[in-house]
Amino acid sequence: MLNITLGESKISCQANETVLEALLKANIQIPYGCQQGVCQSCLMCSLDAAPPVLAQAGLKDTLQKQNYFLACLCHPEQDMTVALPEQQGALLNASVIKKQQLTPDILRLVLQYDAELTFFAGQFVNLQRFDGLMRSYSIANSPQHDKILEFHIRRLPNGQFSNWVHDELGHGTPLTLTEAQGSCHYLPGRMEQPLLLIGTGSGLAPLYGIINDALAQGHTGAIHLYHGSRNQDGLYLIDEMRGLTKQFDNFNYTACLSGACVAEQAIETGYAQGRAHDLALNANQNLKGWRVYLCGHPEMVNQSKRAAYIKGASLSDIYADAFLVSNR
């Protein structure tokens, strides 16, 4: 008989029981559905050891790397300390060290944090201000930076948090943040695999981190980035992206303008005319074996998921964290 620890609760798990069965028997309620590993509603994280391999069946490799598992499939092989995805750790302290306007509506915010934080470029954290108001933002830098986190925050017309960041948040102001979450990030292992990244607006943030992380780790497969906006004011980091195309032969960058009156502007500036996902998917007819990252407007992400799958991409190789496609 083994012990399962969840928060303040420690329960016994019989040899023939799964983690889910043991928790439910102890009247500890967690989300679950099919109990066959299909719906993935019972996703949990092991905090002290890698879970059994069979308990990770069907999960994306990025989640497996973070010790996530399905409670309904997990027959423990040793004592386990587990957590639900939103209960992985306490808040960490951070402070503002840089603000930079990237576009009229998008701000680069750089924080320095004071404790250990494990993250992958492209994951997200929840930022919390002094009064408890919290929002989720993607990490735009790779883990090689020393206790630094970068975010690209778009101002929303009625965005209580984003307007505060743009207008009031000052240098040195303290914030708190959660541990990193999300499966939308780069993992080494298939260095020759082609990568297709499609983003709109501030959806470039996680893609920017993923690209830099992949290149820093020596990814050899082709990397294609399509970043789109209705007009030129919505595009940013253009020089940095074009610089990477000169530095790395396997990196390709296409800036896309989709507004009705940008044809002449697109030609003059070297931008492609059209919606980023349309251009990307038309240019790449066969996506079998590719890894696809999608970040931006919900409609674009949903359409692109379907189209990428139809063109041969495996569902396990299509990445888009839910919060990345919503307005924050």
C-alpha atoms as a PDB file:
ATOM      1  CA  MET A   1       0.000   0.000   0.000  1.00  0.00           C
ATOM      2  CA  LEU A   2       1.314   3.406  -1.033  1.00  0.00           C
ATOM      3  CA  ASN A   3       0.543   6.971   0.059  1.00  0.00           C
ATOM      4  CA  ILE A   4      -0.793   9.753  -2.157  1.00  0.00           C
ATOM      5  CA  THR A   5      -0.390  13.320  -0.884  1.00  0.00           C
ATOM      6  CA  LEU A   6      -2.600  16.075  -2.317  1.00  0.00           C
ATOM      7  CA  GLY A   7      -2.260  19.373  -0.492  1.00  0.00           C
ATOM      8  CA  GLU A   8      -2.872  18.707   3.205  1.00  0.00           C
ATOM      9  CA  SER A   9      -4.446  15.312   2.552  1.00  0.00           C
ATOM     10  CA  LYS A  10      -2.569  12.013   2.651  1.00  0.00           C
ATOM     11  CA  ILE A  11      -4.474   8.945   1.538  1.00  0.00           C
ATOM     12  CA  SER A  12      -3.732   5.279   1.059  1.00  0.00           C
ATOM     13  CA  CYS A  13      -3.744   3.697  -2.387  1.00  0.00           C
ATOM     14  CA  GLN A  14      -4.231  -0.047  -2.724  1.00  0.00           C
ATOM     15  CA  ALA A  15      -2.181  -2.060  -5.193  1.00  0.00           C
ATOM     16  CA  ASN A  16      -5.074  -2.436  -7.636  1.00  0.00           C
ATOM     17  CA  GLU A  17      -6.269   1.184  -7.404  1.00  0.00           C
ATOM     18  CA  THR A  18      -5.584   4.170  -9.589  1.00  0.00           C
ATOM     19  CA  VAL A  19      -4.870   7.573  -8.123  1.00  0.00           C
ATOM     20  CA  LEU A  20      -8.346   8.706  -9.182  1.00  0.00           C
ATOM     21  CA  GLU A  21     -10.029   5.749  -7.482  1.00  0.00           C
ATOM     22  CA  ALA A  22      -8.069   6.298  -4.285  1.00  0.00           C
ATOM     23  CA  LEU A  23      -8.926  10.005  -4.185  1.00  0.00           C
ATOM     24  CA  LEU A  24     -12.620   9.431  -4.823  1.00  0.00           C
ATOM     25  CA  LYS A  25     -12.743   6.663  -2.204  1.00  0.00           C
ATOM     26  CA  ALA A  26     -11.344   9.178   0.289  1.00  0.00           C
ATOM     27  CA  ASN A  27     -14.078  11.681  -0.706  1.00  0.00           C
ATOM     28  CA  ILE A  28     -11.554  13.991  -2.366  1.00  0.00           C
ATOM     29  CA  GLN A  29     -13.200  15.382  -5.466  1.00  0.00           C
ATOM     30  CA  ILE A  30     -11.130  16.232  -8.528  1.00  0.00           C
ATOM     31  CA  PRO A  31     -12.257  16.781 -12.133  1.00  0.00           C
ATOM     32  CA  TYR A  32     -12.750  13.564 -14.109  1.00  0.00           C
ATOM     33  CA  GLY A  33     -14.840  12.246 -16.957  1.00  0.00           C
ATOM     34  CA  CYS A  34     -14.479   9.104 -19.043  1.00  0.00           C
ATOM     35  CA  GLN A  35     -12.071   7.321 -16.629  1.00  0.00           C
ATOM     36  CA  GLN A  36     -10.397   5.733 -19.662  1.00  0.00           C
ATOM     37  CA  GLY A  37      -7.684   8.291 -20.433  1.00  0.00           C
ATOM     38  CA  VAL A  38      -9.515   9.834 -23.368  1.00  0.00           C
ATOM     39  CA  CYS A  39     -11.059  13.080 -22.104  1.00  0.00           C
ATOM     40  CA  GLN A  40      -7.982  14.023 -20.001  1.00  0.00           C
ATOM     41  CA  SER A  41     -10.231  15.796 -17.470  1.00  0.00           C
ATOM     42  CA  CYS A  42      -8.333  14.166 -14.562  1.00  0.00           C
ATOM     43  CA  LEU A  43      -4.974  15.692 -15.509  1.00  0.00           C
ATOM     44  CA  MET A  44      -2.660  16.027 -12.511  1.00  0.00           C
ATOM     45  CA  CYS A  45       1.016  16.739 -11.889  1.00  0.00           C
ATOM     46  CA  SER A  46       3.514  14.699  -9.913  1.00  0.00           C
ATOM     47  CA  LEU A  47       5.601  16.992  -7.726  1.00  0.00           C
ATOM     48  CA  ASP A  48       8.269  14.578  -6.512  1.00  0.00           C
ATOM     49  CA  ALA A  49       8.922  11.914  -9.153  1.00  0.00           C
ATOM     50  CA  ALA A  50       8.177  10.968 -12.730  1.00  0.00           C
ATOM     51  CA  PRO A  51       4.801   9.189 -12.915  1.00  0.00           C
ATOM     52  CA  PRO A  52       4.406   5.725 -14.462  1.00  0.00           C
ATOM     53  CA  VAL A  53       4.796   5.780 -18.232  1.00  0.00           C
ATOM     54  CA  LEU A  54       1.346   4.286 -18.819  1.00  0.00           C
ATOM     55  CA  ALA A  55      -0.231   7.140 -16.835  1.00  0.00           C
ATOM     56  CA  GLN A  56       1.011   9.600 -19.470  1.00  0.00           C
ATOM     57  CA  ALA A  57      -0.528   7.805 -22.449  1.00  0.00           C
ATOM     58  CA  GLY A  58      -1.966  10.268 -24.956  1.00  0.00           C
ATOM     59  CA  LEU A  59      -0.456  13.381 -23.380  1.00  0.00           C
ATOM     60  CA  LYS A  60       1.631  15.797 -25.411  1.00  0.00           C
ATOM     61  CA  ASP A  61       5.360  15.340 -24.912  1.00  0.00           C
ATOM     62  CA  THR A  62       5.591  18.826 -23.409  1.00  0.00           C
ATOM     63  CA  LEU A  63       3.170  17.794 -20.654  1.00  0.00           C
ATOM     64  CA  GLN A  64       5.000  14.500 -20.093  1.00  0.00           C
ATOM     65  CA  LYS A  65       8.235  16.428 -19.606  1.00  0.00           C
ATOM     66  CA  GLN A  66       6.564  18.397 -16.795  1.00  0.00           C
ATOM     67  CA  ASN A  67       5.463  15.174 -15.006  1.00  0.00           C
ATOM     68  CA  TYR A  68       1.777  15.528 -15.836  1.00  0.00           C
ATOM     69  CA  PHE A  69      -0.270  12.342 -15.803  1.00  0.00           C
ATOM     70  CA  LEU A  70      -3.855  11.089 -15.961  1.00  0.00           C
ATOM     71  CA  ALA A  71      -5.149  10.078 -12.545  1.00  0.00           C
ATOM     72  CA  CYS A  72      -7.521   7.494 -14.042  1.00  0.00           C
ATOM     73  CA  LEU A  73      -4.591   5.604 -15.635  1.00  0.00           C
ATOM     74  CA  CYS A  74      -2.071   5.988 -12.843  1.00  0.00           C
ATOM     75  CA  HIS A  75      -1.284   2.934 -10.731  1.00  0.00           C
ATOM     76  CA  PRO A  76       1.423   4.349  -8.421  1.00  0.00           C
ATOM     77  CA  GLU A  77       4.753   2.589  -8.238  1.00  0.00           C
ATOM     78  CA  GLN A  78       5.877   4.559  -5.176  1.00  0.00           C
ATOM     79  CA  ASP A  79       4.547   7.205  -2.804  1.00  0.00           C
ATOM     80  CA  MET A  80       3.471  10.286  -4.751  1.00  0.00           C
ATOM     81  CA  THR A  81       2.879  13.959  -4.018  1.00  0.00           C
ATOM     82  CA  VAL A  82       0.454  15.285  -6.588  1.00  0.00           C
ATOM     83  CA  ALA A  83      -1.332  18.502  -7.504  1.00  0.00           C
ATOM     84  CA  LEU A  84      -4.021  19.737  -9.827  1.00  0.00           C
ATOM     85  CA  PRO A  85      -2.681  21.915 -12.660  1.00  0.00           C
ATOM     86  CA  GLU A  86      -3.737  25.155 -10.973  1.00  0.00           C
ATOM     87  CA  GLN A  87      -2.347  24.154  -7.570  1.00  0.00           C
ATOM     88  CA  GLN A  88       1.294  23.550  -8.383  1.00  0.00           C
ATOM     89  CA  GLY A  89       2.930  26.188  -6.243  1.00  0.00           C
ATOM     90  CA  ALA A  90       2.872  29.425  -4.332  1.00  0.00           C
ATOM     91  CA  LEU A  91       3.178  32.926  -5.728  1.00  0.00           C
ATOM     92  CA  LEU A  92       6.670  34.248  -6.430  1.00  0.00           C
ATOM     93  CA  ASN A  93       7.870  37.812  -5.971  1.00  0.00           C
ATOM     94  CA  ALA A  94       9.029  39.892  -8.936  1.00  0.00           C
ATOM     95  CA  SER A  95       9.631  43.518  -9.839  1.00  0.00           C
ATOM     96  CA  VAL A  96       9.623  45.635 -12.990  1.00  0.00           C
ATOM     97  CA  ILE A  97      13.013  46.326 -14.558  1.00  0.00           C
ATOM     98  CA  LYS A  98      11.962  47.469 -18.054  1.00  0.00           C
ATOM     99  CA  LYS A  99       9.013  48.805 -20.037  1.00  0.00           C
ATOM    100  CA  GLN A 100       9.271  49.384 -23.782  1.00  0.00           C
ATOM    101  CA  GLN A 101       6.567  50.373 -26.240  1.00  0.00           C
ATOM    102  CA  LEU A 102       6.665  47.917 -29.163  1.00  0.00           C
ATOM    103  CA  THR A 103       3.584  49.215 -30.976  1.00  0.00           C
ATOM    104  CA  PRO A 104       0.975  51.833 -30.067  1.00  0.00           C
ATOM    105  CA  ASP A 105      -0.961  49.069 -28.240  1.00  0.00           C
ATOM    106  CA  ILE A 106       1.669  46.478 -27.272  1.00  0.00           C
ATOM    107  CA  LEU A 107       4.172  46.938 -24.446  1.00  0.00           C
ATOM    108  CA  ARG A 108       7.245  44.871 -23.616  1.00  0.00           C
ATOM    109  CA  LEU A 109       7.319  44.255 -19.860  1.00  0.00           C
ATOM    110  CA  VAL A 110      10.425  42.724 -18.284  1.00  0.00           C
ATOM    111  CA  LEU A 111      10.384  41.412 -14.719  1.00  0.00           C
ATOM    112  CA  GLN A 112      13.093  40.085 -12.466  1.00  0.00           C
ATOM    113  CA  TYR A 113      12.053  37.430  -9.967  1.00  0.00           C
ATOM    114  CA  ASP A 114      13.761  36.472  -6.727  1.00  0.00           C
ATOM    115  CA  ALA A 115      13.244  32.713  -6.361  1.00  0.00           C
ATOM    116  CA  GLU A 116      13.767  29.569  -8.403  1.00  0.00           C
ATOM    117  CA  LEU A 117      11.371  29.233 -11.334  1.00  0.00           C
ATOM    118  CA  THR A 118      11.413  26.452 -13.890  1.00  0.00           C
ATOM    119  CA  PHE A 119       9.814  27.344 -17.203  1.00  0.00           C
ATOM    120  CA  PHE A 120       9.898  26.761 -20.933  1.00  0.00           C
ATOM    121  CA  ALA A 121       9.696  29.570 -23.473  1.00  0.00           C
ATOM    122  CA  GLY A 122       6.090  29.863 -24.621  1.00  0.00           C
ATOM    123  CA  GLN A 123       4.487  28.836 -21.348  1.00  0.00           C
ATOM    124  CA  PHE A 124       2.408  31.318 -19.376  1.00  0.00           C
ATOM    125  CA  VAL A 125       2.240  32.633 -15.832  1.00  0.00           C
ATOM    126  CA  ASN A 126      -0.446  34.519 -13.961  1.00  0.00           C
ATOM    127  CA  LEU A 127       0.627  38.035 -12.976  1.00  0.00           C
ATOM    128  CA  GLN A 128      -0.984  39.504  -9.865  1.00  0.00           C
ATOM    129  CA  ARG A 129      -0.924  43.141  -8.805  1.00  0.00           C
ATOM    130  CA  PHE A 130      -1.236  44.688  -5.328  1.00  0.00           C
ATOM    131  CA  ASP A 131      -5.030  44.357  -5.059  1.00  0.00           C
ATOM    132  CA  GLY A 132      -5.158  40.703  -6.151  1.00  0.00           C
ATOM    133  CA  LEU A 133      -6.237  41.315  -9.744  1.00  0.00           C
ATOM    134  CA  MET A 134      -4.629  38.585 -11.871  1.00  0.00           C
ATOM    135  CA  ARG A 135      -4.173  37.974 -15.595  1.00  0.00           C
ATOM    136  CA  SER A 136      -2.357  35.332 -17.675  1.00  0.00           C
ATOM    137  CA  TYR A 137       0.465  36.243 -20.062  1.00  0.00           C
ATOM    138  CA  SER A 138       2.854  34.230 -22.218  1.00  0.00           C
ATOM    139  CA  ILE A 139       6.570  34.172 -21.499  1.00  0.00           C
ATOM    140  CA  ALA A 140       8.442  35.655 -24.456  1.00  0.00           C
ATOM    141  CA  ASN A 141      12.042  34.836 -23.454  1.00  0.00           C
ATOM    142  CA  SER A 142      13.943  31.589 -23.142  1.00  0.00           C
ATOM    143  CA  PRO A 143      15.107  30.087 -19.819  1.00  0.00           C
ATOM    144  CA  GLN A 144      18.721  30.979 -20.528  1.00  0.00           C
ATOM    145  CA  HIS A 145      18.108  34.448 -19.095  1.00  0.00           C
ATOM    146  CA  ASP A 146      18.983  34.779 -15.403  1.00  0.00           C
ATOM    147  CA  LYS A 147      15.761  35.195 -13.400  1.00  0.00           C
ATOM    148  CA  ILE A 148      14.215  37.364 -16.117  1.00  0.00           C
ATOM    149  CA  LEU A 149      10.730  37.100 -17.617  1.00  0.00           C
ATOM    150  CA  GLU A 150       9.560  39.046 -20.663  1.00  0.00           C
ATOM    151  CA  PHE A 151       5.933  39.643 -21.662  1.00  0.00           C
ATOM    152  CA  HIS A 152       4.241  41.469 -24.547  1.00  0.00           C
ATOM    153  CA  ILE A 153       1.084  43.032 -23.156  1.00  0.00           C
ATOM    154  CA  ARG A 154      -1.580  44.397 -25.451  1.00  0.00           C
ATOM    155  CA  ARG A 155      -3.738  47.271 -24.245  1.00  0.00           C
ATOM    156  CA  LEU A 156      -7.415  46.340 -24.301  1.00  0.00           C
ATOM    157  CA  PRO A 157     -10.123  49.025 -24.531  1.00  0.00           C
ATOM    158  CA  ASN A 158     -11.604  48.037 -21.167  1.00  0.00           C
ATOM    159  CA  GLY A 159      -8.685  46.008 -19.874  1.00  0.00           C
ATOM    160  CA  GLN A 160      -8.333  46.790 -16.184  1.00  0.00           C
ATOM    161  CA  PHE A 161      -4.976  45.039 -15.870  1.00  0.00           C
ATOM    162  CA  SER A 162      -3.503  45.907 -19.270  1.00  0.00           C
ATOM    163  CA  ASN A 163      -4.343  49.607 -18.977  1.00  0.00           C
ATOM    164  CA  TRP A 164      -2.758  49.680 -15.528  1.00  0.00           C
ATOM    165  CA  VAL A 165       0.414  48.086 -16.931  1.00  0.00           C
ATOM    166  CA  HIS A 166       0.590  50.578 -19.787  1.00  0.00           C
ATOM    167  CA  ASP A 167      -0.276  53.731 -17.836  1.00  0.00           C
ATOM    168  CA  GLU A 168       0.644  53.279 -14.177  1.00  0.00           C
ATOM    169  CA  LEU A 169       3.034  50.394 -13.590  1.00  0.00           C
ATOM    170  CA  GLY A 170       6.469  51.854 -12.856  1.00  0.00           C
ATOM    171  CA  HIS A 171      10.072  50.715 -12.673  1.00  0.00           C
ATOM    172  CA  GLY A 172      10.701  48.741  -9.499  1.00  0.00           C
ATOM    173  CA  THR A 173       7.017  48.106  -8.806  1.00  0.00           C
ATOM    174  CA  PRO A 174       6.510  44.698  -7.152  1.00  0.00           C
ATOM    175  CA  LEU A 175       4.276  42.033  -8.666  1.00  0.00           C
ATOM    176  CA  THR A 176       3.638  38.416  -7.818  1.00  0.00           C
ATOM    177  CA  LEU A 177       3.425  35.552 -10.279  1.00  0.00           C
ATOM    178  CA  THR A 178       2.473  31.895 -10.361  1.00  0.00           C
ATOM    179  CA  GLU A 179       4.662  29.065 -11.520  1.00  0.00           C
ATOM    180  CA  ALA A 180       4.764  28.510 -15.279  1.00  0.00           C
ATOM    181  CA  GLN A 181       2.003  26.493 -16.904  1.00  0.00           C
ATOM    182  CA  GLY A 182       1.007  25.344 -20.372  1.00  0.00           C
ATOM    183  CA  SER A 183       2.082  22.862 -23.031  1.00  0.00           C
ATOM    184  CA  CYS A 184       2.765  25.349 -25.838  1.00  0.00           C
ATOM    185  CA  HIS A 185       6.556  25.333 -25.826  1.00  0.00           C
ATOM    186  CA  TYR A 186       9.615  23.889 -27.551  1.00  0.00           C
ATOM    187  CA  LEU A 187      11.212  20.606 -26.542  1.00  0.00           C
ATOM    188  CA  PRO A 188      14.418  19.212 -28.063  1.00  0.00           C
ATOM    189  CA  GLY A 189      14.530  15.657 -29.298  1.00  0.00           C
ATOM    190  CA  ARG A 190      13.333  15.919 -32.893  1.00  0.00           C
ATOM    191  CA  MET A 191      15.804  18.531 -34.040  1.00  0.00           C
ATOM    192  CA  GLU A 192      15.107  17.915 -37.736  1.00  0.00           C
ATOM    193  CA  GLN A 193      11.316  18.361 -37.436  1.00  0.00           C
ATOM    194  CA  PRO A 194       9.911  21.324 -39.419  1.00  0.00           C
ATOM    195  CA  LEU A 195       8.163  23.936 -37.288  1.00  0.00           C
ATOM    196  CA  LEU A 196       5.298  26.155 -38.433  1.00  0.00           C
ATOM    197  CA  LEU A 197       4.418  29.081 -36.179  1.00  0.00           C
ATOM    198  CA  ILE A 198       1.434  31.342 -36.848  1.00  0.00           C
ATOM    199  CA  GLY A 199       0.604  34.329 -34.673  1.00  0.00           C
ATOM    200  CA  THR A 200      -1.416  37.524 -34.752  1.00  0.00           C
ATOM    201  CA  GLY A 201      -0.874  40.649 -32.665  1.00  0.00           C
ATOM    202  CA  SER A 202       0.714  39.991 -29.268  1.00  0.00           C
ATOM    203  CA  GLY A 203       0.384  36.279 -30.035  1.00  0.00           C
ATOM    204  CA  LEU A 204       3.940  36.719 -31.286  1.00  0.00           C
ATOM    205  CA  ALA A 205       5.152  36.696 -27.653  1.00  0.00           C
ATOM    206  CA  PRO A 206       5.255  32.923 -27.025  1.00  0.00           C
ATOM    207  CA  LEU A 207       6.369  32.251 -30.611  1.00  0.00           C
ATOM    208  CA  TYR A 208       9.274  34.669 -30.194  1.00  0.00           C
ATOM    209  CA  GLY A 209      10.436  32.714 -27.151  1.00  0.00           C
ATOM    210  CA  ILE A 210       9.921  29.328 -28.797  1.00  0.00           C
ATOM    211  CA  ILE A 211      11.919  30.351 -31.887  1.00  0.00           C
ATOM    212  CA  ASN A 212      14.846  31.708 -29.892  1.00  0.00           C
ATOM    213  CA  ASP A 213      14.840  28.626 -27.679  1.00  0.00           C
ATOM    214  CA  ALA A 214      14.791  26.255 -30.653  1.00  0.00           C
ATOM    215  CA  LEU A 215      17.602  28.085 -32.434  1.00  0.00           C
ATOM    216  CA  ALA A 216      19.691  28.295 -29.249  1.00  0.00           C
ATOM    217  CA  GLN A 217      19.377  24.523 -28.820  1.00  0.00           C
ATOM    218  CA  GLY A 218      20.522  23.866 -32.381  1.00  0.00           C
ATOM    219  CA  HIS A 219      17.252  22.959 -34.073  1.00  0.00           C
ATOM    220  CA  THR A 220      18.122  21.940 -37.641  1.00  0.00           C
ATOM    221  CA  GLY A 221      14.663  21.585 -39.206  1.00  0.00           C
ATOM    222  CA  ALA A 222      13.034  24.420 -41.117  1.00  0.00           C
ATOM    223  CA  ILE A 223      11.327  27.027 -38.908  1.00  0.00           C
ATOM    224  CA  HIS A 224       8.622  29.130 -40.570  1.00  0.00           C
ATOM    225  CA  LEU A 225       7.071  32.089 -38.721  1.00  0.00           C
ATOM    226  CA  TYR A 226       4.032  33.954 -40.046  1.00  0.00           C
ATOM    227  CA  HIS A 227       3.064  37.005 -37.980  1.00  0.00           C
ATOM    228  CA  GLY A 228      -0.009  38.965 -38.999  1.00  0.00           C
ATOM    229  CA  SER A 229      -1.870  42.195 -38.307  1.00  0.00           C
ATOM    230  CA  ARG A 230      -4.471  44.291 -40.073  1.00  0.00           C
ATOM    231  CA  ASN A 231      -2.014  47.174 -40.497  1.00  0.00           C
ATOM    232  CA  GLN A 232       1.645  47.934 -40.002  1.00  0.00           C
ATOM    233  CA  ASP A 233       1.125  49.384 -36.510  1.00  0.00           C
ATOM    234  CA  GLY A 234       0.259  45.910 -35.259  1.00  0.00           C
ATOM    235  CA  LEU A 235       3.548  44.316 -36.315  1.00  0.00           C
ATOM    236  CA  TYR A 236       6.657  44.461 -34.129  1.00  0.00           C
ATOM    237  CA  LEU A 237      10.129  42.955 -33.640  1.00  0.00           C
ATOM    238  CA  ILE A 238      10.448  43.048 -37.407  1.00  0.00           C
ATOM    239  CA  ASP A 239      14.142  43.907 -37.424  1.00  0.00           C
ATOM    240  CA  GLU A 240      14.892  41.166 -34.891  1.00  0.00           C
ATOM    241  CA  MET A 241      13.047  38.570 -36.958  1.00  0.00           C
ATOM    242  CA  ARG A 242      14.696  39.639 -40.199  1.00  0.00           C
ATOM    243  CA  GLY A 243      18.032  39.542 -38.408  1.00  0.00           C
ATOM    244  CA  LEU A 244      17.431  35.915 -37.461  1.00  0.00           C
ATOM    245  CA  THR A 245      16.746  35.029 -41.103  1.00  0.00           C
ATOM    246  CA  LYS A 246      20.220  36.300 -41.976  1.00  0.00           C
ATOM    247  CA  GLN A 247      21.846  34.536 -39.042  1.00  0.00           C
ATOM    248  CA  PHE A 248      20.113  31.149 -39.439  1.00  0.00           C
ATOM    249  CA  ASP A 249      19.575  29.493 -42.815  1.00  0.00           C
ATOM    250  CA  ASN A 250      16.703  27.355 -41.502  1.00  0.00           C
ATOM    251  CA  PHE A 251      14.625  30.282 -40.166  1.00  0.00           C
ATOM    252  CA  ASN A 252      12.026  31.948 -42.391  1.00  0.00           C
ATOM    253  CA  TYR A 253       9.916  34.982 -41.445  1.00  0.00           C
ATOM    254  CA  THR A 254       6.842  36.376 -43.165  1.00  0.00           C
ATOM    255  CA  ALA A 255       5.169  39.556 -41.901  1.00  0.00           C
ATOM    256  CA  CYS A 256       1.545  39.702 -43.072  1.00  0.00           C
ATOM    257  CA  LEU A 257      -0.894  42.606 -43.476  1.00  0.00           C
ATOM    258  CA  SER A 258      -4.577  41.758 -43.869  1.00  0.00           C
ATOM    259  CA  GLY A 259      -6.264  45.183 -43.875  1.00  0.00           C
ATOM    260  CA  ALA A 260      -8.389  46.189 -46.847  1.00  0.00           C
ATOM    261  CA  CYS A 261      -6.213  49.183 -47.769  1.00  0.00           C
ATOM    262  CA  VAL A 262      -2.676  47.862 -47.307  1.00  0.00           C
ATOM    263  CA  ALA A 263      -1.843  46.452 -50.740  1.00  0.00           C
ATOM    264  CA  GLU A 264       0.451  49.311 -51.734  1.00  0.00           C
ATOM    265  CA  GLN A 265       1.949  49.510 -48.242  1.00  0.00           C
ATOM    266  CA  ALA A 266       2.655  45.784 -48.240  1.00  0.00           C
ATOM    267  CA  ILE A 267       4.469  45.960 -51.560  1.00  0.00           C
ATOM    268  CA  GLU A 268       6.551  48.968 -50.500  1.00  0.00           C
ATOM    269  CA  THR A 269       7.645  47.449 -47.194  1.00  0.00           C
ATOM    270  CA  GLY A 270       8.161  43.856 -48.288  1.00  0.00           C
ATOM    271  CA  TYR A 271       5.243  42.487 -46.279  1.00  0.00           C
ATOM    272  CA  ALA A 272       2.930  39.764 -47.550  1.00  0.00           C
ATOM    273  CA  GLN A 273      -0.670  40.740 -48.192  1.00  0.00           C
ATOM    274  CA  GLY A 274      -3.290  38.515 -46.592  1.00  0.00           C
ATOM    275  CA  ARG A 275      -4.156  36.798 -43.348  1.00  0.00           C
ATOM    276  CA  ALA A 276      -1.218  35.070 -41.680  1.00  0.00           C
ATOM    277  CA  HIS A 277      -2.859  31.660 -41.353  1.00  0.00           C
ATOM    278  CA  ASP A 278      -4.143  31.679 -44.947  1.00  0.00           C
ATOM    279  CA  LEU A 279      -0.702  32.534 -46.295  1.00  0.00           C
ATOM    280  CA  ALA A 280       1.023  29.987 -44.054  1.00  0.00           C
ATOM    281  CA  LEU A 281      -1.300  27.103 -44.846  1.00  0.00           C
ATOM    282  CA  ASN A 282      -1.420  27.856 -48.585  1.00  0.00           C
ATOM    283  CA  ALA A 283       2.371  27.878 -48.701  1.00  0.00           C
ATOM    284  CA  ASN A 284       2.654  24.548 -46.875  1.00  0.00           C
ATOM    285  CA  GLN A 285       0.291  22.009 -48.390  1.00  0.00           C
ATOM    286  CA  ASN A 286       1.660  18.900 -46.648  1.00  0.00           C
ATOM    287  CA  LEU A 287       2.220  19.230 -42.887  1.00  0.00           C
ATOM    288  CA  LYS A 288       2.750  15.549 -42.121  1.00  0.00           C
ATOM    289  CA  GLY A 289       5.549  15.332 -39.573  1.00  0.00           C
ATOM    290  CA  TRP A 290       5.460  19.072 -38.786  1.00  0.00           C
ATOM    291  CA  ARG A 291       4.976  20.696 -35.401  1.00  0.00           C
ATOM    292  CA  VAL A 292       2.506  23.593 -35.475  1.00  0.00           C
ATOM    293  CA  TYR A 293       2.183  26.450 -32.963  1.00  0.00           C
ATOM    294  CA  LEU A 294      -0.857  28.752 -33.096  1.00  0.00           C
ATOM    295  CA  CYS A 295      -1.256  31.930 -31.036  1.00  0.00           C
ATOM    296  CA  GLY A 296      -3.708  34.758 -31.603  1.00  0.00           C
ATOM    297  CA  HIS A 297      -7.368  35.356 -32.318  1.00  0.00           C
ATOM    298  CA  PRO A 298      -9.668  32.434 -31.367  1.00  0.00           C
ATOM    299  CA  GLU A 299     -11.202  32.183 -34.829  1.00  0.00           C
ATOM    300  CA  MET A 300      -7.780  32.060 -36.474  1.00  0.00           C
ATOM    301  CA  VAL A 301      -6.534  29.393 -34.067  1.00  0.00           C
ATOM    302  CA  ASN A 302      -9.590  27.169 -34.479  1.00  0.00           C
ATOM    303  CA  GLN A 303      -9.564  27.444 -38.273  1.00  0.00           C
ATOM    304  CA  SER A 304      -5.834  26.774 -38.408  1.00  0.00           C
ATOM    305  CA  LYS A 305      -6.077  23.732 -36.135  1.00  0.00           C
ATOM    306  CA  ARG A 306      -8.578  22.119 -38.480  1.00  0.00           C
ATOM    307  CA  ALA A 307      -6.660  23.074 -41.605  1.00  0.00           C
ATOM    308  CA  ALA A 308      -3.313  21.871 -40.229  1.00  0.00           C
ATOM    309  CA  TYR A 309      -4.859  18.532 -39.287  1.00  0.00           C
ATOM    310  CA  ILE A 310      -6.417  18.144 -42.723  1.00  0.00           C
ATOM    311  CA  LYS A 311      -3.018  18.864 -44.270  1.00  0.00           C
ATOM    312  CA  GLY A 312      -1.460  15.992 -42.314  1.00  0.00           C
ATOM    313  CA  ALA A 313      -0.257  17.422 -38.993  1.00  0.00           C
ATOM    314  CA  SER A 314      -0.851  15.100 -36.050  1.00  0.00           C
ATOM    315  CA  LEU A 315      -3.153  16.482 -33.348  1.00  0.00           C
ATOM    316  CA  SER A 316      -0.387  15.733 -30.841  1.00  0.00           C
ATOM    317  CA  ASP A 317       1.876  18.101 -32.787  1.00  0.00           C
ATOM    318  CA  ILE A 318      -0.532  21.065 -32.849  1.00  0.00           C
ATOM    319  CA  TYR A 319      -0.049  23.436 -29.914  1.00  0.00           C
ATOM    320  CA  ALA A 320      -2.194  26.316 -28.687  1.00  0.00           C
ATOM    321  CA  ASP A 321      -2.811  26.924 -24.984  1.00  0.00           C
ATOM    322  CA  ALA A 322      -6.378  28.014 -24.319  1.00  0.00           C
ATOM    323  CA  PHE A 323      -5.550  31.360 -22.732  1.00  0.00           C
ATOM    324  CA  LEU A 324      -3.342  32.327 -25.649  1.00  0.00           C
ATOM    325  CA  VAL A 325      -6.391  32.665 -27.863  1.00  0.00           C
ATOM    326  CA  SER A 326      -8.441  34.872 -25.571  1.00  0.00           C
ATOM    327  CA  ASN A 327      -8.302  38.571 -24.790  1.00  0.00           C
ATOM    328  CA  ARG A 328      -6.584  39.371 -21.534  1.00  0.00           C
END
